[in-house]
PDB file of N, CA and C in Angstrom:
ATOM      1  N   MET A   1       0.876  -1.293   0.256  1.00  0.00           N
ATOM      2  CA  MET A   1      -0.289  -0.064   0.205  1.00  0.00           C
ATOM      3  C   MET A   1       1.033   1.407  -0.021  1.00  0.00           C
ATOM      4  N   MET A   2       0.445   2.133  -0.424  1.00  0.00           N
ATOM      5  CA  MET A   2       1.128   3.415  -1.225  1.00  0.00           C
ATOM      6  C   MET A   2       0.420   4.418   0.345  1.00  0.00           C
ATOM      7  N   THR A   3       1.633   5.077   0.949  1.00  0.00           N
ATOM      8  CA  THR A   3       0.558   5.872   1.813  1.00  0.00           C
ATOM      9  C   THR A   3       0.680   7.310   0.813  1.00  0.00           C
ATOM     10  N   TRP A   4      -0.176   8.491   1.497  1.00  0.00           N
ATOM     11  CA  TRP A   4      -0.242   9.567   0.931  1.00  0.00           C
ATOM     12  C   TRP A   4       0.851  10.673   0.752  1.00  0.00           C
ATOM     13  N   THR A   5       2.148  10.195   1.449  1.00  0.00           N
ATOM     14  CA  THR A   5       3.072  10.843   1.521  1.00  0.00           C
ATOM     15  C   THR A   5       4.038  10.759   0.298  1.00  0.00           C
ATOM     16  N   ALA A   6       3.852   9.399   0.105  1.00  0.00           N
ATOM     17  CA  ALA A   6       4.765   8.851  -1.195  1.00  0.00           C
ATOM     18  C   ALA A   6       4.129   9.034  -2.570  1.00  0.00           C
ATOM     19  N   PHE A   7       2.641   8.974  -2.296  1.00  0.00           N
ATOM     20  CA  PHE A   7       2.049   9.285  -3.569  1.00  0.00           C
ATOM     21  C   PHE A   7       2.424  10.796  -3.849  1.00  0.00           C
ATOM     22  N   SER A   8       2.287  11.574  -2.611  1.00  0.00           N
ATOM     23  CA  SER A   8       2.215  13.082  -3.317  1.00  0.00           C
ATOM     24  C   SER A   8       3.900  13.475  -3.982  1.00  0.00           C
ATOM     25  N   PHE A   9       4.516  12.671  -3.362  1.00  0.00           N
ATOM     26  CA  PHE A   9       6.055  13.179  -3.826  1.00  0.00           C
ATOM     27  C   PHE A   9       6.584  12.391  -5.345  1.00  0.00           C
ATOM     28  N   LEU A  10       6.113  11.699  -5.440  1.00  0.00           N
ATOM     29  CA  LEU A  10       5.690  10.539  -6.780  1.00  0.00           C
ATOM     30  C   LEU A  10       5.263  11.504  -7.591  1.00  0.00           C
ATOM     31  N   MET A  11       4.279  11.961  -7.396  1.00  0.00           N
ATOM     32  CA  MET A  11       3.067  12.436  -8.171  1.00  0.00           C
ATOM     33  C   MET A  11       4.059  14.063  -8.427  1.00  0.00           C
ATOM     34  N   THR A  12       4.326  14.829  -7.308  1.00  0.00           N
ATOM     35  CA  THR A  12       5.535  15.512  -7.634  1.00  0.00           C
ATOM     36  C   THR A  12       6.300  15.712  -8.714  1.00  0.00           C
ATOM     37  N   GLY A  13       7.010  14.717  -8.562  1.00  0.00           N
ATOM     38  CA  GLY A  13       7.919  14.176  -9.573  1.00  0.00           C
ATOM     39  C   GLY A  13       7.411  14.114 -10.821  1.00  0.00           C
ATOM     40  N   VAL A  14       6.267  13.273 -11.051  1.00  0.00           N
ATOM     41  CA  VAL A  14       5.672  13.500 -12.344  1.00  0.00           C
ATOM     42  C   VAL A  14       5.569  14.935 -12.982  1.00  0.00           C
ATOM     43  N   LEU A  15       4.698  15.675 -12.297  1.00  0.00           N
ATOM     44  CA  LEU A  15       4.225  16.915 -12.625  1.00  0.00           C
ATOM     45  C   LEU A  15       5.395  17.663 -12.987  1.00  0.00           C
ATOM     46  N   LEU A  16       6.443  17.689 -11.980  1.00  0.00           N
ATOM     47  CA  LEU A  16       7.566  18.568 -12.206  1.00  0.00           C
ATOM     48  C   LEU A  16       8.265  18.124 -13.798  1.00  0.00           C
ATOM     49  N   ASN A  17       8.141  16.987 -14.044  1.00  0.00           N
ATOM     50  CA  ASN A  17       8.896  16.410 -15.351  1.00  0.00           C
ATOM     51  C   ASN A  17       8.102  16.825 -16.556  1.00  0.00           C
ATOM     52  N   ALA A  18       6.725  16.896 -16.375  1.00  0.00           N
ATOM     53  CA  ALA A  18       6.005  17.476 -17.438  1.00  0.00           C
ATOM     54  C   ALA A  18       6.253  18.783 -17.486  1.00  0.00           C
ATOM     55  N   GLY A  19       5.976  19.448 -16.667  1.00  0.00           N
ATOM     56  CA  GLY A  19       6.413  20.891 -16.735  1.00  0.00           C
ATOM     57  C   GLY A  19       7.934  21.470 -17.135  1.00  0.00           C
ATOM     58  N   ALA A  20       8.802  20.701 -16.945  1.00  0.00           N
ATOM     59  CA  ALA A  20      10.327  20.542 -17.643  1.00  0.00           C
ATOM     60  C   ALA A  20       9.921  20.591 -18.731  1.00  0.00           C
ATOM     61  N   GLN A  21       9.254  19.325 -19.235  1.00  0.00           N
ATOM     62  CA  GLN A  21       9.163  19.076 -20.751  1.00  0.00           C
ATOM     63  C   GLN A  21       8.623  20.428 -21.578  1.00  0.00           C
ATOM     64  N   LEU A  22       7.285  21.134 -21.086  1.00  0.00           N
ATOM     65  CA  LEU A  22       6.629  21.763 -21.719  1.00  0.00           C
ATOM     66  C   LEU A  22       7.719  23.315 -21.657  1.00  0.00           C
ATOM     67  N   LEU A  23       8.856  23.512 -20.214  1.00  0.00           N
ATOM     68  CA  LEU A  23       9.271  24.609 -20.476  1.00  0.00           C
ATOM     69  C   LEU A  23      10.893  24.438 -21.371  1.00  0.00           C
ATOM     70  N   LEU A  24      10.907  23.400 -21.559  1.00  0.00           N
ATOM     71  CA  LEU A  24      12.400  23.197 -22.694  1.00  0.00           C
ATOM     72  C   LEU A  24      11.615  23.529 -24.022  1.00  0.00           C
ATOM     73  N   LYS A  25      10.565  23.106 -24.391  1.00  0.00           N
ATOM     74  CA  LYS A  25       9.739  23.436 -25.650  1.00  0.00           C
ATOM     75  C   LYS A  25       9.271  24.764 -25.577  1.00  0.00           C
ATOM     76  N   ALA A  26       9.144  25.365 -25.000  1.00  0.00           N
ATOM     77  CA  ALA A  26       8.493  26.703 -24.819  1.00  0.00           C
ATOM     78  C   ALA A  26      10.182  27.637 -25.331  1.00  0.00           C
ATOM     79  N   GLY A  27      11.046  27.107 -24.731  1.00  0.00           N
ATOM     80  CA  GLY A  27      12.793  27.977 -24.684  1.00  0.00           C
ATOM     81  C   GLY A  27      12.947  27.521 -26.354  1.00  0.00           C
ATOM     82  N   THR A  28      12.773  26.098 -26.658  1.00  0.00           N
ATOM     83  CA  THR A  28      13.141  25.984 -28.268  1.00  0.00           C
ATOM     84  C   THR A  28      12.517  26.693 -29.079  1.00  0.00           C
ATOM     85  N   ASN A  29      11.132  26.981 -28.400  1.00  0.00           N
ATOM     86  CA  ASN A  29      10.455  28.335 -29.690  1.00  0.00           C
ATOM     87  C   ASN A  29      10.776  29.424 -29.535  1.00  0.00           C
ATOM     88  N   VAL A  30      11.636  29.578 -28.650  1.00  0.00           N
ATOM     89  CA  VAL A  30      12.206  31.336 -28.606  1.00  0.00           C
ATOM     90  C   VAL A  30      13.133  31.104 -29.736  1.00  0.00           C
ATOM     91  N   LEU A  31      13.994  30.227 -29.229  1.00  0.00           N
ATOM     92  CA  LEU A  31      15.247  30.174 -30.085  1.00  0.00           C
ATOM     93  C   LEU A  31      15.191  29.822 -31.675  1.00  0.00           C
ATOM     94  N   GLY A  32      14.171  28.698 -31.518  1.00  0.00           N
ATOM     95  CA  GLY A  32      14.023  28.345 -33.204  1.00  0.00           C
ATOM     96  C   GLY A  32      15.067  26.739 -33.418  1.00  0.00           C
ATOM     97  N   VAL A  33      14.973  26.672 -34.509  1.00  0.00           N
ATOM     98  CA  VAL A  33      15.809  25.448 -34.987  1.00  0.00           C
ATOM     99  C   VAL A  33      17.402  25.421 -34.491  1.00  0.00           C
ATOM    100  N   ILE A  34      17.666  24.573 -34.109  1.00  0.00           N
ATOM    101  CA  ILE A  34      18.853  24.635 -33.557  1.00  0.00           C
ATOM    102  C   ILE A  34      19.713  23.796 -33.901  1.00  0.00           C
ATOM    103  N   THR A  35      20.852  24.633 -34.514  1.00  0.00           N
ATOM    104  CA  THR A  35      21.770  23.660 -35.613  1.00  0.00           C
ATOM    105  C   THR A  35      23.418  23.578 -35.036  1.00  0.00           C
ATOM    106  N   LEU A  36      23.341  22.263 -34.574  1.00  0.00           N
ATOM    107  CA  LEU A  36      25.032  22.521 -34.184  1.00  0.00           C
ATOM    108  C   LEU A  36      25.913  21.597 -35.149  1.00  0.00           C
ATOM    109  N   THR A  37      27.063  22.429 -35.096  1.00  0.00           N
ATOM    110  CA  THR A  37      28.014  21.759 -36.278  1.00  0.00           C
ATOM    111  C   THR A  37      29.419  22.125 -35.175  1.00  0.00           C
ATOM    112  N   ALA A  38      30.544  21.485 -35.710  1.00  0.00           N
ATOM    113  CA  ALA A  38      31.738  21.466 -35.189  1.00  0.00           C
ATOM    114  C   ALA A  38      32.339  23.231 -34.782  1.00  0.00           C
ATOM    115  N   ASP A  39      31.710  24.126 -35.760  1.00  0.00           N
ATOM    116  CA  ASP A  39      32.273  25.406 -35.429  1.00  0.00           C
ATOM    117  C   ASP A  39      31.641  26.004 -34.385  1.00  0.00           C
ATOM    118  N   ASN A  40      29.942  25.878 -34.752  1.00  0.00           N
ATOM    119  CA  ASN A  40      29.070  26.901 -33.913  1.00  0.00           C
ATOM    120  C   ASN A  40      28.194  26.310 -32.532  1.00  0.00           C
ATOM    121  N   TRP A  41      28.900  24.933 -32.349  1.00  0.00           N
ATOM    122  CA  TRP A  41      28.407  24.577 -30.754  1.00  0.00           C
ATOM    123  C   TRP A  41      28.414  25.180 -29.306  1.00  0.00           C
ATOM    124  N   PRO A  42      29.918  26.103 -29.505  1.00  0.00           N
ATOM    125  CA  PRO A  42      29.835  26.851 -28.426  1.00  0.00           C
ATOM    126  C   PRO A  42      28.956  27.894 -28.432  1.00  0.00           C
ATOM    127  N   SER A  43      28.725  28.889 -29.323  1.00  0.00           N
ATOM    128  CA  SER A  43      27.750  29.675 -29.465  1.00  0.00           C
ATOM    129  C   SER A  43      26.249  29.392 -28.846  1.00  0.00           C
ATOM    130  N   GLN A  44      26.135  28.086 -30.193  1.00  0.00           N
ATOM    131  CA  GLN A  44      24.819  27.374 -29.549  1.00  0.00           C
ATOM    132  C   GLN A  44      24.308  26.961 -28.113  1.00  0.00           C
ATOM    133  N   PHE A  45      25.349  26.431 -27.655  1.00  0.00           N
ATOM    134  CA  PHE A  45      25.318  26.142 -26.152  1.00  0.00           C
ATOM    135  C   PHE A  45      25.012  27.237 -25.389  1.00  0.00           C
ATOM    136  N   GLY A  46      25.775  28.597 -25.295  1.00  0.00           N
ATOM    137  CA  GLY A  46      25.480  29.605 -24.782  1.00  0.00           C
ATOM    138  C   GLY A  46      24.118  30.106 -25.190  1.00  0.00           C
ATOM    139  N   ARG A  47      23.730  29.745 -26.218  1.00  0.00           N
ATOM    140  CA  ARG A  47      22.117  30.226 -26.653  1.00  0.00           C
ATOM    141  C   ARG A  47      21.399  29.606 -25.946  1.00  0.00           C
ATOM    142  N   MET A  48      21.617  28.668 -25.810  1.00  0.00           N
ATOM    143  CA  MET A  48      20.791  27.389 -24.901  1.00  0.00           C
ATOM    144  C   MET A  48      20.689  27.620 -23.433  1.00  0.00           C
ATOM    145  N   ALA A  49      21.688  28.117 -22.638  1.00  0.00           N
ATOM    146  CA  ALA A  49      22.372  28.309 -21.489  1.00  0.00           C
ATOM    147  C   ALA A  49      21.698  29.463 -21.044  1.00  0.00           C
ATOM    148  N   LEU A  50      21.305  30.544 -21.961  1.00  0.00           N
ATOM    149  CA  LEU A  50      20.953  31.546 -21.212  1.00  0.00           C
ATOM    150  C   LEU A  50      19.507  31.874 -21.339  1.00  0.00           C
ATOM    151  N   GLU A  51      18.724  31.203 -21.993  1.00  0.00           N
ATOM    152  CA  GLU A  51      17.434  30.799 -22.451  1.00  0.00           C
ATOM    153  C   GLU A  51      16.439  30.642 -20.938  1.00  0.00           C
ATOM    154  N   PRO A  52      15.818  31.423 -20.534  1.00  0.00           N
ATOM    155  CA  PRO A  52      15.241  31.473 -19.583  1.00  0.00           C
ATOM    156  C   PRO A  52      14.377  30.361 -19.396  1.00  0.00           C
ATOM    157  N   HIS A  53      13.569  29.624 -20.307  1.00  0.00           N
ATOM    158  CA  HIS A  53      12.873  28.745 -20.282  1.00  0.00           C
ATOM    159  C   HIS A  53      13.657  27.407 -20.068  1.00  0.00           C
ATOM    160  N   ILE A  54      14.818  27.498 -20.778  1.00  0.00           N
ATOM    161  CA  ILE A  54      15.424  26.488 -20.927  1.00  0.00           C
ATOM    162  C   ILE A  54      15.852  26.275 -19.217  1.00  0.00           C
ATOM    163  N   VAL A  55      16.456  26.857 -18.929  1.00  0.00           N
ATOM    164  CA  VAL A  55      17.144  27.199 -17.329  1.00  0.00           C
ATOM    165  C   VAL A  55      16.099  26.263 -16.610  1.00  0.00           C
ATOM    166  N   ALA A  56      15.019  27.270 -16.695  1.00  0.00           N
ATOM    167  CA  ALA A  56      13.614  26.700 -15.907  1.00  0.00           C
ATOM    168  C   ALA A  56      13.239  25.388 -15.971  1.00  0.00           C
ATOM    169  N   GLY A  57      13.628  24.590 -16.715  1.00  0.00           N
ATOM    170  CA  GLY A  57      13.024  23.291 -17.570  1.00  0.00           C
ATOM    171  C   GLY A  57      14.018  22.239 -16.805  1.00  0.00           C
ATOM    172  N   LEU A  58      15.561  22.830 -16.844  1.00  0.00           N
ATOM    173  CA  LEU A  58      16.704  21.932 -16.215  1.00  0.00           C
ATOM    174  C   LEU A  58      16.434  21.790 -14.828  1.00  0.00           C
ATOM    175  N   ALA A  59      15.982  23.327 -14.637  1.00  0.00           N
ATOM    176  CA  ALA A  59      15.993  23.349 -12.715  1.00  0.00           C
ATOM    177  C   ALA A  59      14.848  22.462 -12.456  1.00  0.00           C
ATOM    178  N   CYS A  60      13.678  22.377 -13.177  1.00  0.00           N
ATOM    179  CA  CYS A  60      12.463  21.455 -12.851  1.00  0.00           C
ATOM    180  C   CYS A  60      12.676  19.769 -12.900  1.00  0.00           C
ATOM    181  N   TYR A  61      13.733  19.483 -13.544  1.00  0.00           N
ATOM    182  CA  TYR A  61      14.450  18.204 -13.661  1.00  0.00           C
ATOM    183  C   TYR A  61      14.972  18.095 -12.874  1.00  0.00           C
ATOM    184  N   VAL A  62      15.956  18.848 -12.334  1.00  0.00           N
ATOM    185  CA  VAL A  62      16.922  18.218 -10.928  1.00  0.00           C
ATOM    186  C   VAL A  62      15.655  18.170  -9.828  1.00  0.00           C
ATOM    187  N   VAL A  63      14.617  19.142  -9.762  1.00  0.00           N
ATOM    188  CA  VAL A  63      14.124  18.956  -8.532  1.00  0.00           C
ATOM    189  C   VAL A  63      13.357  17.837  -8.735  1.00  0.00           C
ATOM    190  N   SER A  64      12.798  17.420  -9.754  1.00  0.00           N
ATOM    191  CA  SER A  64      11.615  16.121  -9.819  1.00  0.00           C
ATOM    192  C   SER A  64      12.277  14.865  -9.715  1.00  0.00           C
ATOM    193  N   VAL A  65      13.668  14.869 -10.075  1.00  0.00           N
ATOM    194  CA  VAL A  65      14.499  13.523  -9.678  1.00  0.00           C
ATOM    195  C   VAL A  65      14.729  13.695  -8.247  1.00  0.00           C
ATOM    196  N   ILE A  66      15.264  14.335  -7.703  1.00  0.00           N
ATOM    197  CA  ILE A  66      15.115  14.487  -6.214  1.00  0.00           C
ATOM    198  C   ILE A  66      13.743  13.975  -5.382  1.00  0.00           C
ATOM    199  N   VAL A  67      13.015  14.606  -5.899  1.00  0.00           N
ATOM    200  CA  VAL A  67      11.689  14.426  -5.365  1.00  0.00           C
ATOM    201  C   VAL A  67      11.415  13.081  -5.825  1.00  0.00           C
ATOM    202  N   TRP A  68      11.313  12.788  -6.809  1.00  0.00           N
ATOM    203  CA  TRP A  68      11.412  11.192  -7.324  1.00  0.00           C
ATOM    204  C   TRP A  68      12.025  10.041  -6.615  1.00  0.00           C
ATOM    205  N   ILE A  69      13.443  10.262  -6.432  1.00  0.00           N
ATOM    206  CA  ILE A  69      13.991   9.411  -5.463  1.00  0.00           C
ATOM    207  C   ILE A  69      13.078   9.134  -4.316  1.00  0.00           C
ATOM    208  N   VAL A  70      13.118  10.575  -3.149  1.00  0.00           N
ATOM    209  CA  VAL A  70      12.612  10.288  -2.166  1.00  0.00           C
ATOM    210  C   VAL A  70      11.182   9.642  -1.969  1.00  0.00           C
ATOM    211  N   GLY A  71      10.224   9.731  -3.186  1.00  0.00           N
ATOM    212  CA  GLY A  71       9.489   9.275  -2.777  1.00  0.00           C
ATOM    213  C   GLY A  71       9.397   7.605  -3.670  1.00  0.00           C
ATOM    214  N   LEU A  72      10.875   7.133  -4.304  1.00  0.00           N
ATOM    215  CA  LEU A  72      10.899   5.829  -4.674  1.00  0.00           C
ATOM    216  C   LEU A  72      11.442   5.211  -3.238  1.00  0.00           C
ATOM    217  N   SER A  73      11.714   5.836  -2.552  1.00  0.00           N
ATOM    218  CA  SER A  73      12.483   5.179  -1.199  1.00  0.00           C
ATOM    219  C   SER A  73      11.676   4.609  -0.448  1.00  0.00           C
ATOM    220  N   ARG A  74      10.493   5.261  -0.742  1.00  0.00           N
ATOM    221  CA  ARG A  74       9.093   4.682   0.099  1.00  0.00           C
ATOM    222  C   ARG A  74       8.309   3.609  -0.709  1.00  0.00           C
ATOM    223  N   VAL A  75       8.453   3.519  -1.473  1.00  0.00           N
ATOM    224  CA  VAL A  75       7.471   2.689  -2.382  1.00  0.00           C
ATOM    225  C   VAL A  75       8.606   1.261  -3.419  1.00  0.00           C
ATOM    226  N   PRO A  76       7.941   0.127  -3.628  1.00  0.00           N
ATOM    227  CA  PRO A  76       8.409  -0.589  -4.324  1.00  0.00           C
ATOM    228  C   PRO A  76       8.651   0.096  -6.026  1.00  0.00           C
ATOM    229  N   VAL A  77       9.575  -0.003  -6.995  1.00  0.00           N
ATOM    230  CA  VAL A  77       9.630   0.013  -8.029  1.00  0.00           C
ATOM    231  C   VAL A  77       8.207  -0.091  -9.227  1.00  0.00           C
ATOM    232  N   SER A  78       8.137  -0.915  -8.730  1.00  0.00           N
ATOM    233  CA  SER A  78       6.884  -1.650  -9.500  1.00  0.00           C
ATOM    234  C   SER A  78       5.519  -0.847  -9.155  1.00  0.00           C
ATOM    235  N   ILE A  79       5.477  -0.507  -8.074  1.00  0.00           N
ATOM    236  CA  ILE A  79       4.496   0.644  -7.635  1.00  0.00           C
ATOM    237  C   ILE A  79       4.475   1.704  -8.296  1.00  0.00           C
ATOM    238  N   ALA A  80       5.873   2.487  -8.397  1.00  0.00           N
ATOM    239  CA  ALA A  80       6.159   3.644  -8.690  1.00  0.00           C
ATOM    240  C   ALA A  80       6.377   3.819  -9.980  1.00  0.00           C
ATOM    241  N   TYR A  81       7.019   3.072 -10.828  1.00  0.00           N
ATOM    242  CA  TYR A  81       6.981   3.460 -12.371  1.00  0.00           C
ATOM    243  C   TYR A  81       5.867   3.564 -13.071  1.00  0.00           C
ATOM    244  N   PRO A  82       4.852   2.911 -12.460  1.00  0.00           N
ATOM    245  CA  PRO A  82       3.846   2.878 -13.564  1.00  0.00           C
ATOM    246  C   PRO A  82       2.781   4.401 -13.396  1.00  0.00           C
ATOM    247  N   LEU A  83       3.608   5.587 -12.563  1.00  0.00           N
ATOM    248  CA  LEU A  83       2.745   6.567 -12.342  1.00  0.00           C
ATOM    249  C   LEU A  83       3.358   7.346 -13.661  1.00  0.00           C
ATOM    250  N   LEU A  84       4.612   7.299 -13.885  1.00  0.00           N
ATOM    251  CA  LEU A  84       5.325   7.720 -14.507  1.00  0.00           C
ATOM    252  C   LEU A  84       4.503   8.138 -16.133  1.00  0.00           C
ATOM    253  N   SER A  85       3.842   7.446 -16.076  1.00  0.00           N
ATOM    254  CA  SER A  85       2.642   7.088 -17.806  1.00  0.00           C
ATOM    255  C   SER A  85       1.630   8.012 -17.552  1.00  0.00           C
ATOM    256  N   LEU A  86       1.674   8.616 -16.329  1.00  0.00           N
ATOM    257  CA  LEU A  86       0.283   9.883 -16.432  1.00  0.00           C
ATOM    258  C   LEU A  86       1.198  11.165 -17.088  1.00  0.00           C
ATOM    259  N   GLY A  87       2.517  11.345 -17.024  1.00  0.00           N
ATOM    260  CA  GLY A  87       3.104  12.302 -17.274  1.00  0.00           C
ATOM    261  C   GLY A  87       2.738  12.394 -19.069  1.00  0.00           C
ATOM    262  N   TYR A  88       2.446  11.206 -19.544  1.00  0.00           N
ATOM    263  CA  TYR A  88       2.035  11.463 -21.412  1.00  0.00           C
ATOM    264  C   TYR A  88       0.728  11.519 -21.415  1.00  0.00           C
ATOM    265  N   ILE A  89      -0.270  12.345 -20.342  1.00  0.00           N
ATOM    266  CA  ILE A  89      -1.553  12.225 -20.534  1.00  0.00           C
ATOM    267  C   ILE A  89      -1.756  13.700 -21.101  1.00  0.00           C
TER     268      ILE A  89
END
């Protein structure tokens, strides 16, 4: 059985993960098509690193992993893992 606390941690992780995807997409919408070559990759990386949506999306990923690990420490992976599918709805 899953406690309310464990469920809350896992769902927060799922929601942060989905939010990260939306923020990354918003960032790429601002930047446009990103073409990486041997010559331009440093400047392209700089553009991505300075885009606020991308920075926020990466921050959401970091927090989602931490929250997910806390939730995963409370329930078996066979129960937690299927909850990730809620991020695809």
